[in-house]
């Protein structure tokens, strides 16, 4: 089964943008932060840049110099986005791997 997660990720980005508009604390926490993120799902790869609380340049393919790398599969990513799978469970089952600076990972975890 071929699964395309792109639309689900775009919906998640749209929800994030809506939330950042109304959550002053979240905006403050992300102020001044620029992070490049890769999402490697094996059969699908995506990347984006988080800058000043906004996601920019969401695209197919991976960035060479990403700060945060999410490695999973399409089914698990769909489960995470739809909240059928909790991030900590996916990590424990090794269905999700996250690579990057520990501070970035802790900050990113809040927004999953």
PDB file of N, CA and C in Angstrom:
ATOM      1  N   UNK A   1       0.837  -1.179   0.000  1.00  0.00           N
ATOM      2  CA  UNK A   1       0.000   0.000   0.000  1.00  0.00           C
ATOM      3  C   UNK A   1       0.888   1.250   0.000  1.00  0.00           C
ATOM      4  N   UNK A   2       0.667   2.114  -0.959  1.00  0.00           N
ATOM      5  CA  UNK A   2       1.412   3.367  -1.038  1.00  0.00           C
ATOM      6  C   UNK A   2       0.640   4.426  -0.267  1.00  0.00           C
ATOM      7  N   UNK A   3       1.331   5.049   0.639  1.00  0.00           N
ATOM      8  CA  UNK A   3       0.692   6.058   1.488  1.00  0.00           C
ATOM      9  C   UNK A   3       1.416   7.383   1.290  1.00  0.00           C
ATOM     10  N   UNK A   4       0.670   8.441   1.129  1.00  0.00           N
ATOM     11  CA  UNK A   4       1.268   9.758   0.998  1.00  0.00           C
ATOM     12  C   UNK A   4       0.830  10.592   2.202  1.00  0.00           C
ATOM     13  N   UNK A   5       1.803  10.989   2.989  1.00  0.00           N
ATOM     14  CA  UNK A   5       1.550  11.666   4.260  1.00  0.00           C
ATOM     15  C   UNK A   5       1.591  13.190   4.104  1.00  0.00           C
ATOM     16  N   UNK A   6       1.989  13.662   2.939  1.00  0.00           N
ATOM     17  CA  UNK A   6       2.179  15.090   2.698  1.00  0.00           C
ATOM     18  C   UNK A   6       0.985  15.939   3.141  1.00  0.00           C
ATOM     19  N   UNK A   7      -0.229  15.562   2.735  1.00  0.00           N
ATOM     20  CA  UNK A   7      -1.418  16.352   3.082  1.00  0.00           C
ATOM     21  C   UNK A   7      -1.641  16.390   4.592  1.00  0.00           C
ATOM     22  N   UNK A   8      -1.394  15.273   5.269  1.00  0.00           N
ATOM     23  CA  UNK A   8      -1.563  15.230   6.724  1.00  0.00           C
ATOM     24  C   UNK A   8      -0.544  16.128   7.417  1.00  0.00           C
ATOM     25  N   UNK A   9       0.684  16.142   6.923  1.00  0.00           N
ATOM     26  CA  UNK A   9       1.709  17.026   7.505  1.00  0.00           C
ATOM     27  C   UNK A   9       1.313  18.483   7.266  1.00  0.00           C
ATOM     28  N   UNK A  10       0.818  18.784   6.066  1.00  0.00           N
ATOM     29  CA  UNK A  10       0.386  20.157   5.771  1.00  0.00           C
ATOM     30  C   UNK A  10      -0.743  20.576   6.701  1.00  0.00           C
ATOM     31  N   UNK A  11      -1.688  19.681   6.973  1.00  0.00           N
ATOM     32  CA  UNK A  11      -2.777  19.997   7.910  1.00  0.00           C
ATOM     33  C   UNK A  11      -2.231  20.249   9.319  1.00  0.00           C
ATOM     34  N   UNK A  12      -1.230  19.448   9.725  1.00  0.00           N
ATOM     35  CA  UNK A  12      -0.613  19.633  11.032  1.00  0.00           C
ATOM     36  C   UNK A  12       0.077  21.009  11.094  1.00  0.00           C
ATOM     37  N   UNK A  13       0.735  21.404  10.022  1.00  0.00           N
ATOM     38  CA  UNK A  13       1.389  22.722   9.954  1.00  0.00           C
ATOM     39  C   UNK A  13       0.340  23.824  10.059  1.00  0.00           C
ATOM     40  N   UNK A  14      -0.776  23.662   9.354  1.00  0.00           N
ATOM     41  CA  UNK A  14      -1.849  24.660   9.409  1.00  0.00           C
ATOM     42  C   UNK A  14      -2.397  24.800  10.825  1.00  0.00           C
ATOM     43  N   UNK A  15      -2.589  23.673  11.527  1.00  0.00           N
ATOM     44  CA  UNK A  15      -3.064  23.713  12.916  1.00  0.00           C
ATOM     45  C   UNK A  15      -2.041  24.405  13.809  1.00  0.00           C
ATOM     46  N   UNK A  16      -0.764  24.106  13.584  1.00  0.00           N
ATOM     47  CA  UNK A  16       0.318  24.740  14.344  1.00  0.00           C
ATOM     48  C   UNK A  16       0.266  26.255  14.159  1.00  0.00           C
ATOM     49  N   UNK A  17       0.096  26.713  12.909  1.00  0.00           N
ATOM     50  CA  UNK A  17       0.034  28.150  12.633  1.00  0.00           C
ATOM     51  C   UNK A  17      -1.176  28.785  13.322  1.00  0.00           C
ATOM     52  N   UNK A  18      -2.307  28.090  13.335  1.00  0.00           N
ATOM     53  CA  UNK A  18      -3.498  28.613  14.020  1.00  0.00           C
ATOM     54  C   UNK A  18      -3.237  28.736  15.521  1.00  0.00           C
ATOM     55  N   UNK A  19      -2.584  27.720  16.077  1.00  0.00           N
ATOM     56  CA  UNK A  19      -2.299  27.728  17.511  1.00  0.00           C
ATOM     57  C   UNK A  19      -1.320  28.837  17.874  1.00  0.00           C
ATOM     58  N   UNK A  20      -0.302  29.020  17.060  1.00  0.00           N
ATOM     59  CA  UNK A  20       0.719  30.035  17.362  1.00  0.00           C
ATOM     60  C   UNK A  20       0.113  31.438  17.330  1.00  0.00           C
ATOM     61  N   UNK A  21      -0.930  31.620  16.519  1.00  0.00           N
ATOM     62  CA  UNK A  21      -1.606  32.919  16.444  1.00  0.00           C
ATOM     63  C   UNK A  21      -2.270  33.292  17.770  1.00  0.00           C
ATOM     64  N   UNK A  22      -2.744  32.298  18.515  1.00  0.00           N
ATOM     65  CA  UNK A  22      -3.507  32.563  19.735  1.00  0.00           C
ATOM     66  C   UNK A  22      -2.736  32.268  21.025  1.00  0.00           C
ATOM     67  N   UNK A  23      -1.576  31.651  20.932  1.00  0.00           N
ATOM     68  CA  UNK A  23      -0.828  31.228  22.116  1.00  0.00           C
ATOM     69  C   UNK A  23       0.429  32.090  22.284  1.00  0.00           C
ATOM     70  N   UNK A  24       0.301  33.123  23.090  1.00  0.00           N
ATOM     71  CA  UNK A  24       1.403  34.065  23.275  1.00  0.00           C
ATOM     72  C   UNK A  24       2.630  33.399  23.901  1.00  0.00           C
ATOM     73  N   UNK A  25       2.415  32.491  24.845  1.00  0.00           N
ATOM     74  CA  UNK A  25       3.517  31.794  25.503  1.00  0.00           C
ATOM     75  C   UNK A  25       4.317  30.972  24.481  1.00  0.00           C
ATOM     76  N   UNK A  26       3.604  30.287  23.599  1.00  0.00           N
ATOM     77  CA  UNK A  26       4.262  29.482  22.568  1.00  0.00           C
ATOM     78  C   UNK A  26       5.047  30.382  21.608  1.00  0.00           C
ATOM     79  N   UNK A  27       4.453  31.510  21.225  1.00  0.00           N
ATOM     80  CA  UNK A  27       5.159  32.458  20.351  1.00  0.00           C
ATOM     81  C   UNK A  27       6.445  32.936  21.007  1.00  0.00           C
ATOM     82  N   UNK A  28       6.360  33.251  22.297  1.00  0.00           N
ATOM     83  CA  UNK A  28       7.542  33.739  23.021  1.00  0.00           C
ATOM     84  C   UNK A  28       8.622  32.664  23.079  1.00  0.00           C
ATOM     85  N   UNK A  29       8.213  31.421  23.309  1.00  0.00           N
ATOM     86  CA  UNK A  29       9.174  30.326  23.403  1.00  0.00           C
ATOM     87  C   UNK A  29       9.901  30.085  22.081  1.00  0.00           C
ATOM     88  N   UNK A  30       9.233  30.339  20.971  1.00  0.00           N
ATOM     89  CA  UNK A  30       9.826  30.097  19.653  1.00  0.00           C
ATOM     90  C   UNK A  30      10.478  31.336  19.052  1.00  0.00           C
ATOM     91  N   UNK A  31      10.396  32.457  19.748  1.00  0.00           N
ATOM     92  CA  UNK A  31      10.978  33.697  19.256  1.00  0.00           C
ATOM     93  C   UNK A  31      12.490  33.552  19.076  1.00  0.00           C
ATOM     94  N   UNK A  32      12.969  33.944  17.926  1.00  0.00           N
ATOM     95  CA  UNK A  32      14.405  33.911  17.643  1.00  0.00           C
ATOM     96  C   UNK A  32      14.944  32.547  17.243  1.00  0.00           C
ATOM     97  N   UNK A  33      14.092  31.549  17.183  1.00  0.00           N
ATOM     98  CA  UNK A  33      14.547  30.195  16.874  1.00  0.00           C
ATOM     99  C   UNK A  33      14.418  29.909  15.374  1.00  0.00           C
ATOM    100  N   UNK A  34      15.486  29.356  14.820  1.00  0.00           N
ATOM    101  CA  UNK A  34      15.484  28.897  13.436  1.00  0.00           C
ATOM    102  C   UNK A  34      16.003  27.464  13.439  1.00  0.00           C
ATOM    103  N   UNK A  35      15.179  26.525  13.001  1.00  0.00           N
ATOM    104  CA  UNK A  35      15.565  25.112  12.965  1.00  0.00           C
ATOM    105  C   UNK A  35      15.131  24.497  11.643  1.00  0.00           C
ATOM    106  N   UNK A  36      16.013  23.705  11.082  1.00  0.00           N
ATOM    107  CA  UNK A  36      15.711  22.952   9.864  1.00  0.00           C
ATOM    108  C   UNK A  36      15.329  21.537  10.279  1.00  0.00           C
ATOM    109  N   UNK A  37      14.228  21.044   9.711  1.00  0.00           N
ATOM    110  CA  UNK A  37      13.680  19.752  10.117  1.00  0.00           C
ATOM    111  C   UNK A  37      13.521  18.843   8.898  1.00  0.00           C
ATOM    112  N   UNK A  38      13.991  17.609   9.029  1.00  0.00           N
ATOM    113  CA  UNK A  38      13.783  16.569   8.020  1.00  0.00           C
ATOM    114  C   UNK A  38      12.821  15.528   8.565  1.00  0.00           C
ATOM    115  N   UNK A  39      11.951  15.037   7.699  1.00  0.00           N
ATOM    116  CA  UNK A  39      11.049  13.934   8.019  1.00  0.00           C
ATOM    117  C   UNK A  39      11.328  12.846   6.998  1.00  0.00           C
ATOM    118  N   UNK A  40      11.959  11.764   7.451  1.00  0.00           N
ATOM    119  CA  UNK A  40      12.331  10.660   6.566  1.00  0.00           C
ATOM    120  C   UNK A  40      11.431   9.466   6.864  1.00  0.00           C
ATOM    121  N   UNK A  41      10.526   9.184   5.944  1.00  0.00           N
ATOM    122  CA  UNK A  41       9.577   8.078   6.116  1.00  0.00           C
ATOM    123  C   UNK A  41       9.930   6.908   5.208  1.00  0.00           C
ATOM    124  N   UNK A  42      11.149   6.865   4.733  1.00  0.00           N
ATOM    125  CA  UNK A  42      11.574   5.796   3.841  1.00  0.00           C
ATOM    126  C   UNK A  42      11.089   6.053   2.423  1.00  0.00           C
ATOM    127  N   UNK A  43       9.819   5.758   2.159  1.00  0.00           N
ATOM    128  CA  UNK A  43       9.266   5.939   0.816  1.00  0.00           C
ATOM    129  C   UNK A  43       8.891   7.395   0.533  1.00  0.00           C
ATOM    130  N   UNK A  44       8.863   8.215   1.562  1.00  0.00           N
ATOM    131  CA  UNK A  44       8.530   9.634   1.434  1.00  0.00           C
ATOM    132  C   UNK A  44       9.503  10.437   2.287  1.00  0.00           C
ATOM    133  N   UNK A  45       9.933  11.573   1.782  1.00  0.00           N
ATOM    134  CA  UNK A  45      10.804  12.451   2.552  1.00  0.00           C
ATOM    135  C   UNK A  45      10.321  13.893   2.415  1.00  0.00           C
ATOM    136  N   UNK A  46      10.385  14.612   3.517  1.00  0.00           N
ATOM    137  CA  UNK A  46       9.929  16.001   3.548  1.00  0.00           C
ATOM    138  C   UNK A  46      10.876  16.818   4.415  1.00  0.00           C
ATOM    139  N   UNK A  47      10.809  18.125   4.248  1.00  0.00           N
ATOM    140  CA  UNK A  47      11.606  19.013   5.086  1.00  0.00           C
ATOM    141  C   UNK A  47      10.903  20.359   5.192  1.00  0.00           C
ATOM    142  N   UNK A  48      11.295  21.097   6.228  1.00  0.00           N
ATOM    143  CA  UNK A  48      10.795  22.451   6.395  1.00  0.00           C
ATOM    144  C   UNK A  48      11.738  23.203   7.314  1.00  0.00           C
ATOM    145  N   UNK A  49      11.528  24.506   7.379  1.00  0.00           N
ATOM    146  CA  UNK A  49      12.291  25.371   8.267  1.00  0.00           C
ATOM    147  C   UNK A  49      11.308  26.014   9.239  1.00  0.00           C
ATOM    148  N   UNK A  50      11.597  25.884  10.529  1.00  0.00           N
ATOM    149  CA  UNK A  50      10.819  26.558  11.574  1.00  0.00           C
ATOM    150  C   UNK A  50      11.575  27.833  11.917  1.00  0.00           C
ATOM    151  N   UNK A  51      10.931  28.973  11.686  1.00  0.00           N
ATOM    152  CA  UNK A  51      11.591  30.251  11.941  1.00  0.00           C
ATOM    153  C   UNK A  51      10.582  31.218  12.539  1.00  0.00           C
ATOM    154  N   UNK A  52      10.925  31.735  13.727  1.00  0.00           N
ATOM    155  CA  UNK A  52      10.062  32.700  14.417  1.00  0.00           C
ATOM    156  C   UNK A  52       8.632  32.183  14.570  1.00  0.00           C
ATOM    157  N   UNK A  53       8.486  30.909  14.864  1.00  0.00           N
ATOM    158  CA  UNK A  53       7.168  30.348  15.120  1.00  0.00           C
ATOM    159  C   UNK A  53       6.339  30.067  13.885  1.00  0.00           C
ATOM    160  N   UNK A  54       6.947  30.081  12.719  1.00  0.00           N
ATOM    161  CA  UNK A  54       6.245  29.780  11.470  1.00  0.00           C
ATOM    162  C   UNK A  54       7.018  28.700  10.722  1.00  0.00           C
ATOM    163  N   UNK A  55       6.279  27.843  10.043  1.00  0.00           N
ATOM    164  CA  UNK A  55       6.906  26.821   9.206  1.00  0.00           C
ATOM    165  C   UNK A  55       7.000  27.379   7.792  1.00  0.00           C
ATOM    166  N   UNK A  56       8.218  27.384   7.279  1.00  0.00           N
ATOM    167  CA  UNK A  56       8.485  27.886   5.929  1.00  0.00           C
ATOM    168  C   UNK A  56       9.075  26.756   5.086  1.00  0.00           C
ATOM    169  N   UNK A  57       8.939  26.885   3.804  1.00  0.00           N
ATOM    170  CA  UNK A  57       9.620  26.007   2.847  1.00  0.00           C
ATOM    171  C   UNK A  57       9.299  24.532   3.045  1.00  0.00           C
ATOM    172  N   UNK A  58       8.048  24.190   3.373  1.00  0.00           N
ATOM    173  CA  UNK A  58       7.670  22.774   3.452  1.00  0.00           C
ATOM    174  C   UNK A  58       7.758  22.202   2.049  1.00  0.00           C
ATOM    175  N   UNK A  59       8.549  21.124   1.902  1.00  0.00           N
ATOM    176  CA  UNK A  59       8.791  20.578   0.567  1.00  0.00           C
ATOM    177  C   UNK A  59       9.121  19.094   0.626  1.00  0.00           C
ATOM    178  N   UNK A  60       9.019  18.460  -0.519  1.00  0.00           N
ATOM    179  CA  UNK A  60       9.472  17.083  -0.660  1.00  0.00           C
ATOM    180  C   UNK A  60      11.001  17.093  -0.651  1.00  0.00           C
ATOM    181  N   UNK A  61      11.587  16.032  -0.120  1.00  0.00           N
ATOM    182  CA  UNK A  61      13.043  15.922  -0.095  1.00  0.00           C
ATOM    183  C   UNK A  61      13.610  16.334   1.254  1.00  0.00           C
ATOM    184  N   UNK A  62      14.885  16.015   1.441  1.00  0.00           N
ATOM    185  CA  UNK A  62      15.577  16.275   2.703  1.00  0.00           C
ATOM    186  C   UNK A  62      16.581  17.403   2.556  1.00  0.00           C
ATOM    187  N   UNK A  63      16.810  18.130   3.637  1.00  0.00           N
ATOM    188  CA  UNK A  63      17.832  19.165   3.686  1.00  0.00           C
ATOM    189  C   UNK A  63      19.150  18.532   4.116  1.00  0.00           C
ATOM    190  N   UNK A  64      20.254  19.001   3.588  1.00  0.00           N
ATOM    191  CA  UNK A  64      21.566  18.450   3.930  1.00  0.00           C
ATOM    192  C   UNK A  64      21.970  18.739   5.376  1.00  0.00           C
ATOM    193  N   UNK A  65      21.557  19.873   5.894  1.00  0.00           N
ATOM    194  CA  UNK A  65      22.048  20.328   7.194  1.00  0.00           C
ATOM    195  C   UNK A  65      20.921  20.501   8.219  1.00  0.00           C
ATOM    196  N   UNK A  66      20.018  19.520   8.299  1.00  0.00           N
ATOM    197  CA  UNK A  66      18.880  19.617   9.229  1.00  0.00           C
ATOM    198  C   UNK A  66      19.339  19.561  10.678  1.00  0.00           C
ATOM    199  N   UNK A  67      18.669  20.338  11.532  1.00  0.00           N
ATOM    200  CA  UNK A  67      18.937  20.338  12.965  1.00  0.00           C
ATOM    201  C   UNK A  67      18.204  19.191  13.662  1.00  0.00           C
ATOM    202  N   UNK A  68      17.004  18.873  13.165  1.00  0.00           N
ATOM    203  CA  UNK A  68      16.171  17.828  13.750  1.00  0.00           C
ATOM    204  C   UNK A  68      15.783  16.857  12.643  1.00  0.00           C
ATOM    205  N   UNK A  69      15.935  15.561  12.929  1.00  0.00           N
ATOM    206  CA  UNK A  69      15.589  14.528  11.950  1.00  0.00           C
ATOM    207  C   UNK A  69      14.589  13.566  12.574  1.00  0.00           C
ATOM    208  N   UNK A  70      13.419  13.463  11.956  1.00  0.00           N
ATOM    209  CA  UNK A  70      12.406  12.497  12.363  1.00  0.00           C
ATOM    210  C   UNK A  70      12.474  11.342  11.383  1.00  0.00           C
ATOM    211  N   UNK A  71      12.633  10.128  11.900  1.00  0.00           N
ATOM    212  CA  UNK A  71      12.753   8.945  11.046  1.00  0.00           C
ATOM    213  C   UNK A  71      11.672   7.973  11.470  1.00  0.00           C
ATOM    214  N   UNK A  72      10.832   7.593  10.523  1.00  0.00           N
ATOM    215  CA  UNK A  72       9.722   6.707  10.836  1.00  0.00           C
ATOM    216  C   UNK A  72       9.255   6.030   9.553  1.00  0.00           C
ATOM    217  N   UNK A  73       7.971   5.701   9.512  1.00  0.00           N
ATOM    218  CA  UNK A  73       7.346   5.152   8.313  1.00  0.00           C
ATOM    219  C   UNK A  73       6.015   5.867   8.128  1.00  0.00           C
ATOM    220  N   UNK A  74       5.418   5.808   6.934  1.00  0.00           N
ATOM    221  CA  UNK A  74       4.177   6.545   6.693  1.00  0.00           C
ATOM    222  C   UNK A  74       3.041   6.180   7.656  1.00  0.00           C
ATOM    223  N   UNK A  75       2.869   4.905   7.969  1.00  0.00           N
ATOM    224  CA  UNK A  75       1.779   4.486   8.846  1.00  0.00           C
ATOM    225  C   UNK A  75       1.929   5.077  10.250  1.00  0.00           C
ATOM    226  N   UNK A  76       3.140   5.021  10.790  1.00  0.00           N
ATOM    227  CA  UNK A  76       3.378   5.578  12.126  1.00  0.00           C
ATOM    228  C   UNK A  76       3.182   7.085  12.123  1.00  0.00           C
ATOM    229  N   UNK A  77       3.669   7.762  11.088  1.00  0.00           N
ATOM    230  CA  UNK A  77       3.513   9.215  11.026  1.00  0.00           C
ATOM    231  C   UNK A  77       2.039   9.593  10.967  1.00  0.00           C
ATOM    232  N   UNK A  78       1.253   8.877  10.187  1.00  0.00           N
ATOM    233  CA  UNK A  78      -0.196   9.131  10.132  1.00  0.00           C
ATOM    234  C   UNK A  78      -0.813   8.911  11.514  1.00  0.00           C
ATOM    235  N   UNK A  79      -0.374   7.853  12.220  1.00  0.00           N
ATOM    236  CA  UNK A  79      -0.870   7.581  13.563  1.00  0.00           C
ATOM    237  C   UNK A  79      -0.530   8.687  14.544  1.00  0.00           C
ATOM    238  N   UNK A  80       0.671   9.239  14.424  1.00  0.00           N
ATOM    239  CA  UNK A  80       1.084  10.350  15.288  1.00  0.00           C
ATOM    240  C   UNK A  80       0.252  11.602  15.004  1.00  0.00           C
ATOM    241  N   UNK A  81       0.058  11.889  13.735  1.00  0.00           N
ATOM    242  CA  UNK A  81      -0.691  13.086  13.351  1.00  0.00           C
ATOM    243  C   UNK A  81      -2.149  12.974  13.793  1.00  0.00           C
ATOM    244  N   UNK A  82      -2.738  11.785  13.633  1.00  0.00           N
ATOM    245  CA  UNK A  82      -4.148  11.587  13.998  1.00  0.00           C
ATOM    246  C   UNK A  82      -4.332  11.307  15.491  1.00  0.00           C
ATOM    247  N   UNK A  83      -3.208  11.203  16.208  1.00  0.00           N
ATOM    248  CA  UNK A  83      -3.191  10.935  17.651  1.00  0.00           C
ATOM    249  C   UNK A  83      -3.639   9.520  18.020  1.00  0.00           C
ATOM    250  N   UNK A  84      -3.592   8.606  17.065  1.00  0.00           N
ATOM    251  CA  UNK A  84      -3.862   7.192  17.373  1.00  0.00           C
ATOM    252  C   UNK A  84      -2.660   6.572  18.087  1.00  0.00           C
ATOM    253  N   UNK A  85      -1.486   7.167  17.867  1.00  0.00           N
ATOM    254  CA  UNK A  85      -0.246   6.710  18.504  1.00  0.00           C
ATOM    255  C   UNK A  85       0.365   7.905  19.227  1.00  0.00           C
ATOM    256  N   UNK A  86       0.762   7.703  20.478  1.00  0.00           N
ATOM    257  CA  UNK A  86       1.413   8.772  21.228  1.00  0.00           C
ATOM    258  C   UNK A  86       2.903   8.785  20.890  1.00  0.00           C
ATOM    259  N   UNK A  87       3.503   9.966  20.829  1.00  0.00           N
ATOM    260  CA  UNK A  87       4.923  10.057  20.476  1.00  0.00           C
ATOM    261  C   UNK A  87       5.836   9.208  21.356  1.00  0.00           C
ATOM    262  N   UNK A  88       5.606   9.195  22.663  1.00  0.00           N
ATOM    263  CA  UNK A  88       6.484   8.434  23.553  1.00  0.00           C
ATOM    264  C   UNK A  88       6.363   6.924  23.294  1.00  0.00           C
ATOM    265  N   UNK A  89       5.163   6.462  22.971  1.00  0.00           N
ATOM    266  CA  UNK A  89       4.978   5.046  22.654  1.00  0.00           C
ATOM    267  C   UNK A  89       5.699   4.704  21.350  1.00  0.00           C
ATOM    268  N   UNK A  90       5.559   5.555  20.347  1.00  0.00           N
ATOM    269  CA  UNK A  90       6.237   5.332  19.062  1.00  0.00           C
ATOM    270  C   UNK A  90       7.756   5.298  19.258  1.00  0.00           C
ATOM    271  N   UNK A  91       8.265   6.180  20.121  1.00  0.00           N
ATOM    272  CA  UNK A  91       9.703   6.170  20.417  1.00  0.00           C
ATOM    273  C   UNK A  91      10.104   4.877  21.123  1.00  0.00           C
ATOM    274  N   UNK A  92       9.316   4.470  22.124  1.00  0.00           N
ATOM    275  CA  UNK A  92       9.620   3.254  22.885  1.00  0.00           C
ATOM    276  C   UNK A  92       9.599   2.006  21.998  1.00  0.00           C
ATOM    277  N   UNK A  93       8.691   1.982  21.042  1.00  0.00           N
ATOM    278  CA  UNK A  93       8.578   0.838  20.127  1.00  0.00           C
ATOM    279  C   UNK A  93       9.544   0.941  18.944  1.00  0.00           C
ATOM    280  N   UNK A  94      10.328   2.001  18.942  1.00  0.00           N
ATOM    281  CA  UNK A  94      11.296   2.265  17.864  1.00  0.00           C
ATOM    282  C   UNK A  94      10.631   2.420  16.500  1.00  0.00           C
ATOM    283  N   UNK A  95       9.395   2.871  16.517  1.00  0.00           N
ATOM    284  CA  UNK A  95       8.687   3.188  15.279  1.00  0.00           C
ATOM    285  C   UNK A  95       8.938   4.640  14.881  1.00  0.00           C
ATOM    286  N   UNK A  96       9.511   5.387  15.810  1.00  0.00           N
ATOM    287  CA  UNK A  96       9.897   6.770  15.575  1.00  0.00           C
ATOM    288  C   UNK A  96      11.263   6.978  16.198  1.00  0.00           C
ATOM    289  N   UNK A  97      12.165   7.533  15.409  1.00  0.00           N
ATOM    290  CA  UNK A  97      13.478   7.928  15.920  1.00  0.00           C
ATOM    291  C   UNK A  97      13.639   9.414  15.663  1.00  0.00           C
ATOM    292  N   UNK A  98      14.205  10.091  16.630  1.00  0.00           N
ATOM    293  CA  UNK A  98      14.406  11.523  16.515  1.00  0.00           C
ATOM    294  C   UNK A  98      15.876  11.804  16.798  1.00  0.00           C
ATOM    295  N   UNK A  99      16.501  12.545  15.885  1.00  0.00           N
ATOM    296  CA  UNK A  99      17.911  12.885  16.052  1.00  0.00           C
ATOM    297  C   UNK A  99      18.050  14.396  16.060  1.00  0.00           C
ATOM    298  N   UNK A 100      18.909  14.858  16.967  1.00  0.00           N
ATOM    299  CA  UNK A 100      19.163  16.288  17.064  1.00  0.00           C
ATOM    300  C   UNK A 100      19.640  16.636  18.452  1.00  0.00           C
ATOM    301  N   UNK A 101      19.889  17.915  18.678  1.00  0.00           N
ATOM    302  CA  UNK A 101      20.306  18.424  19.974  1.00  0.00           C
ATOM    303  C   UNK A 101      19.200  18.161  20.989  1.00  0.00           C
ATOM    304  N   UNK A 102      19.550  17.733  22.190  1.00  0.00           N
ATOM    305  CA  UNK A 102      18.556  17.357  23.201  1.00  0.00           C
ATOM    306  C   UNK A 102      17.621  18.527  23.527  1.00  0.00           C
ATOM    307  N   UNK A 103      18.132  19.739  23.576  1.00  0.00           N
ATOM    308  CA  UNK A 103      17.291  20.910  23.838  1.00  0.00           C
ATOM    309  C   UNK A 103      16.249  21.093  22.730  1.00  0.00           C
ATOM    310  N   UNK A 104      16.674  20.914  21.482  1.00  0.00           N
ATOM    311  CA  UNK A 104      15.741  21.001  20.349  1.00  0.00           C
ATOM    312  C   UNK A 104      14.678  19.916  20.450  1.00  0.00           C
ATOM    313  N   UNK A 105      15.115  18.711  20.805  1.00  0.00           N
ATOM    314  CA  UNK A 105      14.178  17.591  20.879  1.00  0.00           C
ATOM    315  C   UNK A 105      13.134  17.818  21.964  1.00  0.00           C
ATOM    316  N   UNK A 106      13.537  18.335  23.107  1.00  0.00           N
ATOM    317  CA  UNK A 106      12.596  18.583  24.197  1.00  0.00           C
ATOM    318  C   UNK A 106      11.601  19.686  23.795  1.00  0.00           C
ATOM    319  N   UNK A 107      12.088  20.694  23.130  1.00  0.00           N
ATOM    320  CA  UNK A 107      11.215  21.778  22.678  1.00  0.00           C
ATOM    321  C   UNK A 107      10.251  21.258  21.621  1.00  0.00           C
ATOM    322  N   UNK A 108      10.765  20.475  20.681  1.00  0.00           N
ATOM    323  CA  UNK A 108       9.944  19.962  19.580  1.00  0.00           C
ATOM    324  C   UNK A 108       8.865  19.027  20.107  1.00  0.00           C
ATOM    325  N   UNK A 109       9.180  18.225  21.119  1.00  0.00           N
ATOM    326  CA  UNK A 109       8.244  17.255  21.696  1.00  0.00           C
ATOM    327  C   UNK A 109       6.962  17.934  22.167  1.00  0.00           C
ATOM    328  N   UNK A 110       7.068  19.157  22.666  1.00  0.00           N
ATOM    329  CA  UNK A 110       5.902  19.886  23.165  1.00  0.00           C
ATOM    330  C   UNK A 110       4.876  20.142  22.072  1.00  0.00           C
ATOM    331  N   UNK A 111       5.330  20.192  20.834  1.00  0.00           N
ATOM    332  CA  UNK A 111       4.440  20.605  19.745  1.00  0.00           C
ATOM    333  C   UNK A 111       3.900  19.440  18.941  1.00  0.00           C
ATOM    334  N   UNK A 112       4.302  18.216  19.287  1.00  0.00           N
ATOM    335  CA  UNK A 112       3.768  17.030  18.591  1.00  0.00           C
ATOM    336  C   UNK A 112       2.354  16.754  19.032  1.00  0.00           C
TER     337      UNK A 112
END
